[in-house]
Every structure is written in structure tokens, then in C-alpha cells.
PDB file of N, CA and C in Angstrom:
ATOM      1  N   MET A   1      19.292  25.338  -4.519  1.00  0.00           N
ATOM      2  CA  MET A   1      18.302  24.010  -2.886  1.00  0.00           C
ATOM      3  C   MET A   1      17.570  22.345  -3.412  1.00  0.00           C
ATOM      4  N   THR A   2      17.395  23.512  -4.818  1.00  0.00           N
ATOM      5  CA  THR A   2      16.229  21.961  -5.750  1.00  0.00           C
ATOM      6  C   THR A   2      17.227  20.508  -5.290  1.00  0.00           C
ATOM      7  N   GLY A   3      17.859  20.856  -5.846  1.00  0.00           N
ATOM      8  CA  GLY A   3      19.297  19.983  -5.727  1.00  0.00           C
ATOM      9  C   GLY A   3      19.194  19.067  -5.246  1.00  0.00           C
ATOM     10  N   ARG A   4      19.341  19.212  -3.266  1.00  0.00           N
ATOM     11  CA  ARG A   4      19.782  18.880  -2.633  1.00  0.00           C
ATOM     12  C   ARG A   4      18.439  17.467  -1.781  1.00  0.00           C
ATOM     13  N   ARG A   5      17.111  17.793  -2.352  1.00  0.00           N
ATOM     14  CA  ARG A   5      15.701  17.867  -1.760  1.00  0.00           C
ATOM     15  C   ARG A   5      15.761  16.375  -1.941  1.00  0.00           C
ATOM     16  N   PHE A   6      15.272  15.701  -1.790  1.00  0.00           N
ATOM     17  CA  PHE A   6      15.585  14.079  -1.793  1.00  0.00           C
ATOM     18  C   PHE A   6      14.083  13.803  -2.515  1.00  0.00           C
ATOM     19  N   PRO A   7      13.960  12.551  -3.240  1.00  0.00           N
ATOM     20  CA  PRO A   7      14.966  12.017  -4.369  1.00  0.00           C
ATOM     21  C   PRO A   7      15.308  13.015  -5.503  1.00  0.00           C
ATOM     22  N   ALA A   8      16.556  13.534  -5.778  1.00  0.00           N
ATOM     23  CA  ALA A   8      16.515  13.764  -6.828  1.00  0.00           C
ATOM     24  C   ALA A   8      16.183  13.461  -8.022  1.00  0.00           C
ATOM     25  N   ALA A   9      15.632  12.837  -8.296  1.00  0.00           N
ATOM     26  CA  ALA A   9      15.011  12.340  -9.307  1.00  0.00           C
ATOM     27  C   ALA A   9      14.234  12.329  -9.895  1.00  0.00           C
ATOM     28  N   VAL A  10      12.870  13.125  -8.818  1.00  0.00           N
ATOM     29  CA  VAL A  10      11.763  13.940  -8.485  1.00  0.00           C
ATOM     30  C   VAL A  10      12.456  15.891  -8.606  1.00  0.00           C
ATOM     31  N   TYR A  11      12.874  16.021  -7.318  1.00  0.00           N
ATOM     32  CA  TYR A  11      13.078  17.028  -7.841  1.00  0.00           C
ATOM     33  C   TYR A  11      14.024  17.797  -8.286  1.00  0.00           C
ATOM     34  N   ALA A  12      14.876  17.141  -9.176  1.00  0.00           N
ATOM     35  CA  ALA A  12      15.501  17.777 -10.788  1.00  0.00           C
ATOM     36  C   ALA A  12      14.788  18.228 -12.030  1.00  0.00           C
ATOM     37  N   ARG A  13      13.507  17.337 -12.134  1.00  0.00           N
ATOM     38  CA  ARG A  13      12.622  17.225 -13.364  1.00  0.00           C
ATOM     39  C   ARG A  13      11.402  19.109 -12.738  1.00  0.00           C
ATOM     40  N   GLY A  14      10.938  19.430 -14.089  1.00  0.00           N
ATOM     41  CA  GLY A  14       9.792  20.418 -14.185  1.00  0.00           C
ATOM     42  C   GLY A  14      10.191  21.248 -13.516  1.00  0.00           C
ATOM     43  N   SER A  15       9.336  22.226 -12.781  1.00  0.00           N
ATOM     44  CA  SER A  15       8.822  22.884 -11.811  1.00  0.00           C
ATOM     45  C   SER A  15       8.074  22.699 -10.391  1.00  0.00           C
ATOM     46  N   GLU A  16       8.417  23.626  -9.670  1.00  0.00           N
ATOM     47  CA  GLU A  16       7.642  23.501  -8.595  1.00  0.00           C
ATOM     48  C   GLU A  16       5.757  23.408  -8.264  1.00  0.00           C
ATOM     49  N   PRO A  17       4.971  22.436  -8.811  1.00  0.00           N
ATOM     50  CA  PRO A  17       3.512  22.404  -8.611  1.00  0.00           C
ATOM     51  C   PRO A  17       2.567  23.725  -7.431  1.00  0.00           C
ATOM     52  N   ASP A  18       1.723  23.986  -7.511  1.00  0.00           N
ATOM     53  CA  ASP A  18       0.961  24.082  -6.217  1.00  0.00           C
ATOM     54  C   ASP A  18       1.624  23.044  -5.201  1.00  0.00           C
ATOM     55  N   ALA A  19       1.666  24.347  -3.983  1.00  0.00           N
ATOM     56  CA  ALA A  19       1.621  23.416  -2.326  1.00  0.00           C
ATOM     57  C   ALA A  19       0.917  22.191  -2.337  1.00  0.00           C
ATOM     58  N   ARG A  20      -0.755  22.609  -2.995  1.00  0.00           N
ATOM     59  CA  ARG A  20      -1.386  21.777  -2.221  1.00  0.00           C
ATOM     60  C   ARG A  20      -1.908  20.779  -3.255  1.00  0.00           C
ATOM     61  N   PHE A  21      -1.374  20.147  -4.539  1.00  0.00           N
ATOM     62  CA  PHE A  21      -1.492  18.967  -5.115  1.00  0.00           C
ATOM     63  C   PHE A  21      -0.121  17.920  -3.993  1.00  0.00           C
ATOM     64  N   THR A  22       1.020  19.015  -4.146  1.00  0.00           N
ATOM     65  CA  THR A  22       1.441  18.677  -4.010  1.00  0.00           C
ATOM     66  C   THR A  22       1.907  17.117  -2.550  1.00  0.00           C
ATOM     67  N   LEU A  23       0.984  18.532  -1.364  1.00  0.00           N
ATOM     68  CA  LEU A  23       0.343  18.134   0.142  1.00  0.00           C
ATOM     69  C   LEU A  23      -0.602  16.388  -0.155  1.00  0.00           C
ATOM     70  N   ALA A  24      -1.044  16.895  -1.023  1.00  0.00           N
ATOM     71  CA  ALA A  24      -2.676  15.734  -1.339  1.00  0.00           C
ATOM     72  C   ALA A  24      -1.886  14.648  -1.876  1.00  0.00           C
ATOM     73  N   ASN A  25      -0.538  14.433  -2.617  1.00  0.00           N
ATOM     74  CA  ASN A  25      -0.151  13.297  -3.236  1.00  0.00           C
ATOM     75  C   ASN A  25       0.401  12.610  -1.654  1.00  0.00           C
ATOM     76  N   GLU A  26       1.169  13.701  -0.895  1.00  0.00           N
ATOM     77  CA  GLU A  26       1.885  12.952   0.256  1.00  0.00           C
ATOM     78  C   GLU A  26       0.717  12.527   1.046  1.00  0.00           C
ATOM     79  N   ARG A  27      -0.242  13.237   1.864  1.00  0.00           N
ATOM     80  CA  ARG A  27      -0.990  12.648   1.922  1.00  0.00           C
ATOM     81  C   ARG A  27      -2.034  11.376   1.569  1.00  0.00           C
ATOM     82  N   THR A  28      -2.160  10.606   0.077  1.00  0.00           N
ATOM     83  CA  THR A  28      -1.779   9.283  -0.031  1.00  0.00           C
ATOM     84  C   THR A  28      -1.293   8.898   0.111  1.00  0.00           C
ATOM     85  N   PHE A  29       0.013   8.974  -0.557  1.00  0.00           N
ATOM     86  CA  PHE A  29       1.614   8.220   0.365  1.00  0.00           C
ATOM     87  C   PHE A  29       1.179   7.967   2.003  1.00  0.00           C
ATOM     88  N   LEU A  30       0.662   8.880   2.909  1.00  0.00           N
ATOM     89  CA  LEU A  30       0.737   8.294   4.045  1.00  0.00           C
ATOM     90  C   LEU A  30      -0.383   7.746   4.132  1.00  0.00           C
ATOM     91  N   ALA A  31      -1.728   8.011   3.931  1.00  0.00           N
ATOM     92  CA  ALA A  31      -2.308   7.256   4.178  1.00  0.00           C
ATOM     93  C   ALA A  31      -2.166   6.049   3.664  1.00  0.00           C
ATOM     94  N   TRP A  32      -1.630   5.169   1.927  1.00  0.00           N
ATOM     95  CA  TRP A  32      -0.442   3.752   2.082  1.00  0.00           C
ATOM     96  C   TRP A  32      -0.665   3.691   3.008  1.00  0.00           C
ATOM     97  N   ILE A  33       0.603   4.175   3.825  1.00  0.00           N
ATOM     98  CA  ILE A  33       1.188   3.539   5.029  1.00  0.00           C
ATOM     99  C   ILE A  33       0.265   3.548   5.693  1.00  0.00           C
ATOM    100  N   ARG A  34      -0.431   3.764   6.113  1.00  0.00           N
ATOM    101  CA  ARG A  34      -1.470   3.865   7.566  1.00  0.00           C
ATOM    102  C   ARG A  34      -2.186   2.272   7.244  1.00  0.00           C
ATOM    103  N   THR A  35      -2.502   2.205   5.862  1.00  0.00           N
ATOM    104  CA  THR A  35      -2.915   1.147   4.948  1.00  0.00           C
ATOM    105  C   THR A  35      -2.426  -0.104   5.467  1.00  0.00           C
ATOM    106  N   ALA A  36      -1.274   0.086   5.194  1.00  0.00           N
ATOM    107  CA  ALA A  36       0.066  -1.048   5.422  1.00  0.00           C
ATOM    108  C   ALA A  36      -0.213  -1.796   6.892  1.00  0.00           C
ATOM    109  N   LEU A  37       0.329  -0.927   7.505  1.00  0.00           N
ATOM    110  CA  LEU A  37       0.371  -1.236   8.929  1.00  0.00           C
ATOM    111  C   LEU A  37      -0.907  -1.893  10.185  1.00  0.00           C
ATOM    112  N   GLY A  38      -1.899  -1.731   8.915  1.00  0.00           N
ATOM    113  CA  GLY A  38      -3.429  -2.319   9.412  1.00  0.00           C
ATOM    114  C   GLY A  38      -3.246  -3.335   8.875  1.00  0.00           C
ATOM    115  N   LEU A  39      -3.126  -3.751   8.018  1.00  0.00           N
ATOM    116  CA  LEU A  39      -2.856  -4.924   6.908  1.00  0.00           C
ATOM    117  C   LEU A  39      -1.588  -5.398   7.986  1.00  0.00           C
ATOM    118  N   LEU A  40      -0.680  -5.408   7.977  1.00  0.00           N
ATOM    119  CA  LEU A  40       0.010  -5.714   8.793  1.00  0.00           C
ATOM    120  C   LEU A  40       0.284  -6.519  10.446  1.00  0.00           C
ATOM    121  N   ALA A  41      -0.976  -5.476  11.082  1.00  0.00           N
ATOM    122  CA  ALA A  41      -2.002  -6.009  12.501  1.00  0.00           C
ATOM    123  C   ALA A  41      -3.084  -6.760  12.490  1.00  0.00           C
ATOM    124  N   CYS A  42      -3.395  -6.595  11.172  1.00  0.00           N
ATOM    125  CA  CYS A  42      -4.416  -7.892  11.176  1.00  0.00           C
ATOM    126  C   CYS A  42      -3.236  -9.127  10.377  1.00  0.00           C
ATOM    127  N   GLY A  43      -2.657  -9.144  10.190  1.00  0.00           N
ATOM    128  CA  GLY A  43      -2.111 -10.318   9.942  1.00  0.00           C
ATOM    129  C   GLY A  43      -1.337 -10.961  10.838  1.00  0.00           C
ATOM    130  N   ILE A  44      -0.895  -9.703  11.646  1.00  0.00           N
ATOM    131  CA  ILE A  44       0.367 -10.674  12.694  1.00  0.00           C
ATOM    132  C   ILE A  44      -1.102 -11.091  13.831  1.00  0.00           C
ATOM    133  N   ALA A  45      -1.918 -10.531  14.070  1.00  0.00           N
ATOM    134  CA  ALA A  45      -2.353 -11.545  15.279  1.00  0.00           C
ATOM    135  C   ALA A  45      -3.315 -12.170  14.610  1.00  0.00           C
ATOM    136  N   LEU A  46      -4.111 -12.007  13.514  1.00  0.00           N
ATOM    137  CA  LEU A  46      -4.787 -13.713  12.965  1.00  0.00           C
ATOM    138  C   LEU A  46      -3.812 -14.692  13.551  1.00  0.00           C
ATOM    139  N   GLU A  47      -2.318 -15.001  13.178  1.00  0.00           N
ATOM    140  CA  GLU A  47      -1.813 -15.542  14.001  1.00  0.00           C
ATOM    141  C   GLU A  47      -1.203 -15.759  14.703  1.00  0.00           C
ATOM    142  N   LEU A  48      -1.208 -14.893  15.720  1.00  0.00           N
ATOM    143  CA  LEU A  48      -0.865 -14.579  16.949  1.00  0.00           C
ATOM    144  C   LEU A  48      -2.323 -15.057  17.976  1.00  0.00           C
ATOM    145  N   LEU A  49      -3.315 -15.523  17.476  1.00  0.00           N
ATOM    146  CA  LEU A  49      -4.424 -15.008  18.513  1.00  0.00           C
ATOM    147  C   LEU A  49      -4.378 -16.707  18.411  1.00  0.00           C
ATOM    148  N   GLY A  50      -4.092 -17.169  17.516  1.00  0.00           N
ATOM    149  CA  GLY A  50      -4.092 -18.998  17.231  1.00  0.00           C
ATOM    150  C   GLY A  50      -5.572 -19.997  17.436  1.00  0.00           C
ATOM    151  N   LEU A  51      -6.310 -18.111  16.728  1.00  0.00           N
ATOM    152  CA  LEU A  51      -8.172 -19.082  16.917  1.00  0.00           C
ATOM    153  C   LEU A  51      -8.720 -20.336  16.332  1.00  0.00           C
ATOM    154  N   ASP A  52      -9.167 -21.041  16.548  1.00  0.00           N
ATOM    155  CA  ASP A  52      -9.560 -21.804  16.503  1.00  0.00           C
ATOM    156  C   ASP A  52      -9.866 -22.353  14.845  1.00  0.00           C
ATOM    157  N   LEU A  53      -9.520 -22.455  14.031  1.00  0.00           N
ATOM    158  CA  LEU A  53      -9.421 -22.023  12.410  1.00  0.00           C
ATOM    159  C   LEU A  53      -8.872 -23.452  12.083  1.00  0.00           C
ATOM    160  N   HIS A  54      -9.290 -23.732  10.838  1.00  0.00           N
ATOM    161  CA  HIS A  54      -7.924 -24.430  10.107  1.00  0.00           C
ATOM    162  C   HIS A  54      -7.157 -24.274  10.004  1.00  0.00           C
ATOM    163  N   THR A  55      -5.722 -24.759  10.147  1.00  0.00           N
ATOM    164  CA  THR A  55      -4.555 -23.768  10.379  1.00  0.00           C
ATOM    165  C   THR A  55      -4.097 -23.695   9.542  1.00  0.00           C
ATOM    166  N   GLY A  56      -3.588 -24.096   8.519  1.00  0.00           N
ATOM    167  CA  GLY A  56      -3.622 -23.809   7.358  1.00  0.00           C
ATOM    168  C   GLY A  56      -3.970 -22.932   6.002  1.00  0.00           C
ATOM    169  N   LEU A  57      -4.972 -22.620   5.815  1.00  0.00           N
ATOM    170  CA  LEU A  57      -6.182 -21.997   5.403  1.00  0.00           C
ATOM    171  C   LEU A  57      -5.901 -19.967   6.009  1.00  0.00           C
ATOM    172  N   ARG A  58      -5.431 -20.719   7.724  1.00  0.00           N
ATOM    173  CA  ARG A  58      -5.456 -19.378   8.936  1.00  0.00           C
ATOM    174  C   ARG A  58      -3.983 -18.802   8.386  1.00  0.00           C
ATOM    175  N   LEU A  59      -2.895 -19.929   8.344  1.00  0.00           N
ATOM    176  CA  LEU A  59      -1.691 -19.601   8.158  1.00  0.00           C
ATOM    177  C   LEU A  59      -1.364 -18.619   6.442  1.00  0.00           C
ATOM    178  N   ALA A  60      -2.208 -19.102   5.608  1.00  0.00           N
ATOM    179  CA  ALA A  60      -2.182 -18.501   4.316  1.00  0.00           C
ATOM    180  C   ALA A  60      -2.940 -17.140   4.410  1.00  0.00           C
ATOM    181  N   ALA A  61      -3.890 -17.022   5.256  1.00  0.00           N
ATOM    182  CA  ALA A  61      -4.771 -15.368   4.652  1.00  0.00           C
ATOM    183  C   ALA A  61      -4.130 -14.699   5.942  1.00  0.00           C
ATOM    184  N   SER A  62      -3.435 -14.523   7.086  1.00  0.00           N
ATOM    185  CA  SER A  62      -2.674 -13.901   7.342  1.00  0.00           C
ATOM    186  C   SER A  62      -1.198 -14.065   6.527  1.00  0.00           C
ATOM    187  N   LEU A  63      -1.114 -14.828   5.575  1.00  0.00           N
ATOM    188  CA  LEU A  63       0.440 -14.295   4.579  1.00  0.00           C
ATOM    189  C   LEU A  63       0.228 -13.092   3.481  1.00  0.00           C
ATOM    190  N   ALA A  64      -0.506 -13.519   3.357  1.00  0.00           N
ATOM    191  CA  ALA A  64      -1.739 -12.704   2.664  1.00  0.00           C
ATOM    192  C   ALA A  64      -1.329 -11.115   2.492  1.00  0.00           C
ATOM    193  N   LEU A  65      -2.213 -11.379   4.313  1.00  0.00           N
ATOM    194  CA  LEU A  65      -1.981  -9.752   4.767  1.00  0.00           C
ATOM    195  C   LEU A  65      -0.614  -8.813   4.532  1.00  0.00           C
ATOM    196  N   VAL A  66      -0.403  -9.910   4.952  1.00  0.00           N
ATOM    197  CA  VAL A  66       1.740  -9.686   5.607  1.00  0.00           C
ATOM    198  C   VAL A  66       2.531  -9.382   4.740  1.00  0.00           C
ATOM    199  N   VAL A  67       2.226 -10.653   3.273  1.00  0.00           N
ATOM    200  CA  VAL A  67       2.747  -9.709   1.907  1.00  0.00           C
ATOM    201  C   VAL A  67       2.467  -8.170   1.360  1.00  0.00           C
ATOM    202  N   SER A  68       1.004  -8.698   1.106  1.00  0.00           N
ATOM    203  CA  SER A  68       0.461  -7.107   1.188  1.00  0.00           C
ATOM    204  C   SER A  68       0.710  -6.081   1.613  1.00  0.00           C
ATOM    205  N   ALA A  69       0.807  -6.158   3.466  1.00  0.00           N
ATOM    206  CA  ALA A  69       1.514  -5.141   3.886  1.00  0.00           C
ATOM    207  C   ALA A  69       3.023  -4.914   3.762  1.00  0.00           C
ATOM    208  N   VAL A  70       3.243  -5.767   2.736  1.00  0.00           N
ATOM    209  CA  VAL A  70       5.522  -5.247   3.223  1.00  0.00           C
ATOM    210  C   VAL A  70       5.743  -4.897   1.707  1.00  0.00           C
ATOM    211  N   ALA A  71       4.366  -5.326   0.646  1.00  0.00           N
ATOM    212  CA  ALA A  71       4.722  -4.801  -0.802  1.00  0.00           C
ATOM    213  C   ALA A  71       3.637  -3.203  -0.891  1.00  0.00           C
ATOM    214  N   LEU A  72       2.562  -3.095   0.013  1.00  0.00           N
ATOM    215  CA  LEU A  72       1.976  -1.244  -0.276  1.00  0.00           C
ATOM    216  C   LEU A  72       2.580  -0.304  -0.422  1.00  0.00           C
ATOM    217  N   PRO A  73       3.977  -0.782   1.045  1.00  0.00           N
ATOM    218  CA  PRO A  73       4.609   0.807   1.204  1.00  0.00           C
ATOM    219  C   PRO A  73       6.228   1.175  -0.384  1.00  0.00           C
ATOM    220  N   LEU A  74       6.446  -0.364  -0.409  1.00  0.00           N
ATOM    221  CA  LEU A  74       6.907  -0.222  -1.874  1.00  0.00           C
ATOM    222  C   LEU A  74       7.072   0.291  -3.036  1.00  0.00           C
ATOM    223  N   LEU A  75       5.683   0.363  -3.453  1.00  0.00           N
ATOM    224  CA  LEU A  75       4.381   0.631  -4.268  1.00  0.00           C
ATOM    225  C   LEU A  75       3.537   1.970  -3.995  1.00  0.00           C
ATOM    226  N   ALA A  76       3.315   2.135  -2.560  1.00  0.00           N
ATOM    227  CA  ALA A  76       3.339   4.077  -3.028  1.00  0.00           C
ATOM    228  C   ALA A  76       4.056   4.582  -3.383  1.00  0.00           C
ATOM    229  N   TRP A  77       5.761   4.691  -2.466  1.00  0.00           N
ATOM    230  CA  TRP A  77       6.463   5.056  -2.596  1.00  0.00           C
ATOM    231  C   TRP A  77       6.729   4.972  -4.462  1.00  0.00           C
ATOM    232  N   ARG A  78       6.848   4.506  -5.206  1.00  0.00           N
ATOM    233  CA  ARG A  78       7.089   4.437  -6.395  1.00  0.00           C
ATOM    234  C   ARG A  78       5.403   5.088  -7.245  1.00  0.00           C
ATOM    235  N   ASP A  79       4.309   5.138  -6.634  1.00  0.00           N
ATOM    236  CA  ASP A  79       3.210   6.237  -6.797  1.00  0.00           C
ATOM    237  C   ASP A  79       3.527   7.409  -6.945  1.00  0.00           C
ATOM    238  N   TRP A  80       3.538   7.542  -5.592  1.00  0.00           N
ATOM    239  CA  TRP A  80       4.224   8.941  -5.345  1.00  0.00           C
ATOM    240  C   TRP A  80       4.992   9.385  -6.262  1.00  0.00           C
ATOM    241  N   MET A  81       5.982   8.838  -6.392  1.00  0.00           N
ATOM    242  CA  MET A  81       7.302   9.631  -7.383  1.00  0.00           C
ATOM    243  C   MET A  81       6.615   9.932  -8.474  1.00  0.00           C
ATOM    244  N   ARG A  82       5.996   8.879  -8.972  1.00  0.00           N
ATOM    245  CA  ARG A  82       5.197   8.781 -10.765  1.00  0.00           C
ATOM    246  C   ARG A  82       4.203  10.420 -10.244  1.00  0.00           C
ATOM    247  N   THR A  83       3.080  10.073  -9.151  1.00  0.00           N
ATOM    248  CA  THR A  83       2.720  11.533  -9.396  1.00  0.00           C
ATOM    249  C   THR A  83       3.458  12.880  -9.443  1.00  0.00           C
ATOM    250  N   GLU A  84       4.663  12.915  -8.519  1.00  0.00           N
ATOM    251  CA  GLU A  84       4.819  13.803  -8.000  1.00  0.00           C
ATOM    252  C   GLU A  84       6.131  13.786  -9.620  1.00  0.00           C
ATOM    253  N   ARG A  85       6.544  13.689 -10.281  1.00  0.00           N
ATOM    254  CA  ARG A  85       6.830  13.589 -11.507  1.00  0.00           C
ATOM    255  C   ARG A  85       5.753  14.242 -12.591  1.00  0.00           C
ATOM    256  N   ALA A  86       4.812  13.267 -12.721  1.00  0.00           N
ATOM    257  CA  ALA A  86       3.632  13.793 -13.310  1.00  0.00           C
ATOM    258  C   ALA A  86       3.492  15.769 -12.817  1.00  0.00           C
ATOM    259  N   LEU A  87       3.477  15.727 -11.924  1.00  0.00           N
ATOM    260  CA  LEU A  87       2.610  17.330 -11.936  1.00  0.00           C
ATOM    261  C   LEU A  87       3.894  18.317 -11.230  1.00  0.00           C
ATOM    262  N   ARG A  88       5.084  18.249 -11.332  1.00  0.00           N
ATOM    263  CA  ARG A  88       6.252  18.736 -12.112  1.00  0.00           C
ATOM    264  C   ARG A  88       5.814  18.669 -12.833  1.00  0.00           C
ATOM    265  N   SER A  89       6.151  18.219 -14.185  1.00  0.00           N
ATOM    266  CA  SER A  89       6.360  17.895 -15.302  1.00  0.00           C
ATOM    267  C   SER A  89       4.552  18.977 -16.351  1.00  0.00           C
ATOM    268  N   GLY A  90       4.385  18.667 -15.636  1.00  0.00           N
ATOM    269  CA  GLY A  90       2.416  19.423 -15.688  1.00  0.00           C
ATOM    270  C   GLY A  90       1.931  18.411 -16.698  1.00  0.00           C
ATOM    271  N   ASP A  91       2.561  16.711 -16.448  1.00  0.00           N
ATOM    272  CA  ASP A  91       1.715  15.709 -17.529  1.00  0.00           C
ATOM    273  C   ASP A  91       0.172  15.132 -16.735  1.00  0.00           C
ATOM    274  N   PRO A  92      -0.022  15.037 -17.745  1.00  0.00           N
ATOM    275  CA  PRO A  92      -1.530  13.427 -17.174  1.00  0.00           C
ATOM    276  C   PRO A  92      -0.456  12.473 -15.283  1.00  0.00           C
ATOM    277  N   LEU A  93      -1.832  13.190 -14.721  1.00  0.00           N
ATOM    278  CA  LEU A  93      -1.649  12.190 -12.953  1.00  0.00           C
ATOM    279  C   LEU A  93      -1.449  10.229 -13.857  1.00  0.00           C
ATOM    280  N   PRO A  94      -0.571   9.931 -13.754  1.00  0.00           N
ATOM    281  CA  PRO A  94      -0.524   8.023 -13.715  1.00  0.00           C
ATOM    282  C   PRO A  94      -1.369   7.831 -12.924  1.00  0.00           C
ATOM    283  N   SER A  95      -1.925   6.017 -13.815  1.00  0.00           N
ATOM    284  CA  SER A  95      -3.205   5.546 -13.214  1.00  0.00           C
ATOM    285  C   SER A  95      -2.473   5.044 -12.034  1.00  0.00           C
ATOM    286  N   SER A  96      -2.877   3.833 -11.208  1.00  0.00           N
ATOM    287  CA  SER A  96      -2.142   3.610  -9.936  1.00  0.00           C
ATOM    288  C   SER A  96      -2.546   2.120  -9.433  1.00  0.00           C
ATOM    289  N   PRO A  97      -1.739   1.316  -9.517  1.00  0.00           N
ATOM    290  CA  PRO A  97      -2.454  -1.178  -9.287  1.00  0.00           C
ATOM    291  C   PRO A  97      -2.626  -0.925  -7.615  1.00  0.00           C
ATOM    292  N   LEU A  98      -2.511  -0.219  -7.555  1.00  0.00           N
ATOM    293  CA  LEU A  98      -2.663  -0.120  -5.304  1.00  0.00           C
ATOM    294  C   LEU A  98      -4.417  -0.283  -5.126  1.00  0.00           C
ATOM    295  N   GLY A  99      -5.121   0.173  -6.110  1.00  0.00           N
ATOM    296  CA  GLY A  99      -6.582  -0.245  -5.110  1.00  0.00           C
ATOM    297  C   GLY A  99      -6.747  -1.341  -5.090  1.00  0.00           C
ATOM    298  N   ILE A 100      -6.589  -2.043  -6.969  1.00  0.00           N
ATOM    299  CA  ILE A 100      -6.753  -3.063  -7.076  1.00  0.00           C
ATOM    300  C   ILE A 100      -5.847  -4.517  -5.910  1.00  0.00           C
ATOM    301  N   MET A 101      -4.909  -4.293  -6.016  1.00  0.00           N
ATOM    302  CA  MET A 101      -4.089  -4.783  -5.338  1.00  0.00           C
ATOM    303  C   MET A 101      -4.296  -5.096  -3.513  1.00  0.00           C
ATOM    304  N   LEU A 102      -5.275  -3.711  -3.314  1.00  0.00           N
ATOM    305  CA  LEU A 102      -5.634  -4.291  -2.420  1.00  0.00           C
ATOM    306  C   LEU A 102      -6.910  -4.937  -2.401  1.00  0.00           C
ATOM    307  N   ALA A 103      -7.636  -5.290  -3.335  1.00  0.00           N
ATOM    308  CA  ALA A 103      -8.703  -4.767  -3.013  1.00  0.00           C
ATOM    309  C   ALA A 103      -9.174  -6.707  -3.282  1.00  0.00           C
ATOM    310  N   LEU A 104      -7.221  -7.336  -3.802  1.00  0.00           N
ATOM    311  CA  LEU A 104      -7.479  -8.266  -3.962  1.00  0.00           C
ATOM    312  C   LEU A 104      -6.521  -8.996  -2.952  1.00  0.00           C
ATOM    313  N   ALA A 105      -6.073  -8.325  -2.145  1.00  0.00           N
ATOM    314  CA  ALA A 105      -5.231  -9.104  -0.715  1.00  0.00           C
ATOM    315  C   ALA A 105      -6.863  -9.127   0.138  1.00  0.00           C
ATOM    316  N   VAL A 106      -7.331  -7.873   0.776  1.00  0.00           N
ATOM    317  CA  VAL A 106      -8.450  -8.195   1.409  1.00  0.00           C
ATOM    318  C   VAL A 106      -9.427  -9.519   1.005  1.00  0.00           C
ATOM    319  N   THR A 107     -10.024  -9.346  -0.320  1.00  0.00           N
ATOM    320  CA  THR A 107     -10.140 -11.133  -0.883  1.00  0.00           C
ATOM    321  C   THR A 107     -10.269 -12.367  -0.532  1.00  0.00           C
ATOM    322  N   VAL A 108      -8.704 -12.304  -0.974  1.00  0.00           N
ATOM    323  CA  VAL A 108      -8.710 -13.382  -1.058  1.00  0.00           C
ATOM    324  C   VAL A 108      -8.064 -13.555   0.981  1.00  0.00           C
ATOM    325  N   ALA A 109      -7.541 -12.739   1.025  1.00  0.00           N
ATOM    326  CA  ALA A 109      -7.619 -13.079   2.786  1.00  0.00           C
ATOM    327  C   ALA A 109      -8.932 -13.539   3.270  1.00  0.00           C
ATOM    328  N   GLY A 110     -10.063 -12.333   3.262  1.00  0.00           N
ATOM    329  CA  GLY A 110     -12.031 -13.539   3.257  1.00  0.00           C
ATOM    330  C   GLY A 110     -11.763 -14.218   3.038  1.00  0.00           C
ATOM    331  N   VAL A 111     -11.693 -14.873   1.750  1.00  0.00           N
ATOM    332  CA  VAL A 111     -12.397 -15.860   1.610  1.00  0.00           C
ATOM    333  C   VAL A 111     -11.740 -17.343   1.941  1.00  0.00           C
ATOM    334  N   LEU A 112     -10.111 -17.005   2.264  1.00  0.00           N
ATOM    335  CA  LEU A 112      -9.986 -18.235   3.224  1.00  0.00           C
ATOM    336  C   LEU A 112      -9.981 -18.349   4.340  1.00  0.00           C
ATOM    337  N   LEU A 113     -10.552 -17.672   5.024  1.00  0.00           N
ATOM    338  CA  LEU A 113     -10.746 -17.520   5.930  1.00  0.00           C
ATOM    339  C   LEU A 113     -12.843 -17.978   6.327  1.00  0.00           C
ATOM    340  N   LEU A 114     -12.763 -17.484   5.708  1.00  0.00           N
ATOM    341  CA  LEU A 114     -14.392 -18.152   5.237  1.00  0.00           C
ATOM    342  C   LEU A 114     -14.553 -19.752   5.155  1.00  0.00           C
ATOM    343  N   LEU A 115     -12.822 -19.898   3.954  1.00  0.00           N
ATOM    344  CA  LEU A 115     -13.015 -21.436   4.441  1.00  0.00           C
ATOM    345  C   LEU A 115     -12.895 -21.911   5.831  1.00  0.00           C
ATOM    346  N   ALA A 116     -11.832 -21.692   6.284  1.00  0.00           N
ATOM    347  CA  ALA A 116     -11.375 -22.223   7.331  1.00  0.00           C
ATOM    348  C   ALA A 116     -12.237 -22.417   8.618  1.00  0.00           C
ATOM    349  N   LEU A 117     -13.054 -21.262   8.110  1.00  0.00           N
ATOM    350  CA  LEU A 117     -14.861 -20.981   9.329  1.00  0.00           C
ATOM    351  C   LEU A 117     -15.156 -22.365   9.125  1.00  0.00           C
ATOM    352  N   LEU A 118     -15.360 -22.213   7.300  1.00  0.00           N
ATOM    353  CA  LEU A 118     -16.084 -23.314   7.406  1.00  0.00           C
ATOM    354  C   LEU A 118     -16.020 -25.172   7.358  1.00  0.00           C
ATOM    355  N   LEU A 119     -14.425 -25.072   7.637  1.00  0.00           N
ATOM    356  CA  LEU A 119     -13.735 -26.505   7.743  1.00  0.00           C
ATOM    357  C   LEU A 119     -13.157 -26.686   8.927  1.00  0.00           C
ATOM    358  N   ARG A 120     -13.422 -25.981  10.174  1.00  0.00           N
ATOM    359  CA  ARG A 120     -13.054 -25.861  12.234  1.00  0.00           C
ATOM    360  C   ARG A 120     -14.037 -27.193  12.283  1.00  0.00           C
TER     361      ARG A 120
END
């Protein structure tokens, strides 16, 4: 039955780990998805509201949020797979660049918005 689980590249190796760890890994993945939805909503709202801000800076901040929202689920999926493989193989858990990526994206968007406020 294991061969029928998706993705086979994850489930074909190692042995079944404690369900608590697998479910925690899944909850982490879903938390990143929720974060991506929030970034997407903020990026779209920023542009659609048409706030009285410097247009180019507002657009750049919106794009930083939307691009991050598009990249985050793909990177979260990759991290989920890497972590699940490590759990199944008994290897140390891999590190993740998602936290720093998110921090940089929000910082860039925040700085752009700060400049847009100051230049209006």
C-alpha cells in the first residue's frame, strides 16, 4: 500500500515514523500555506486599495508580497518532503530557508511602504 501514497519519492524510502512527527510536519506545511495566503491578500489589497502613496514604491511593495506568496508554497512543499524523508530515514532534520526568506520579503515590503509614505 505504501507505493500508492503520493509522493512516492518520499514514501518509498525508510520506515513509517511516529504519526505525531508526520502530522507536525504537515501542520508546519499548512502554516506556510496560510502565511502565503496572507501575503497574497496583503499584496493584492495594497494595489487594489489605491492608497495615496508613491505609485512605484507601492507597486514594488505589492509585488514583493505577491512574489513571496507565489514562491512560499513551492518552497514549503520542498521542505515538507525533505523533512518527511529525514523522519522516515532517521536522519537529522534539514534546516529551512523559509523563515529568513519570509523575514526578508516582509522587511523589503515594509521599507518600500515606509519610503512611499515619506515621499507622498
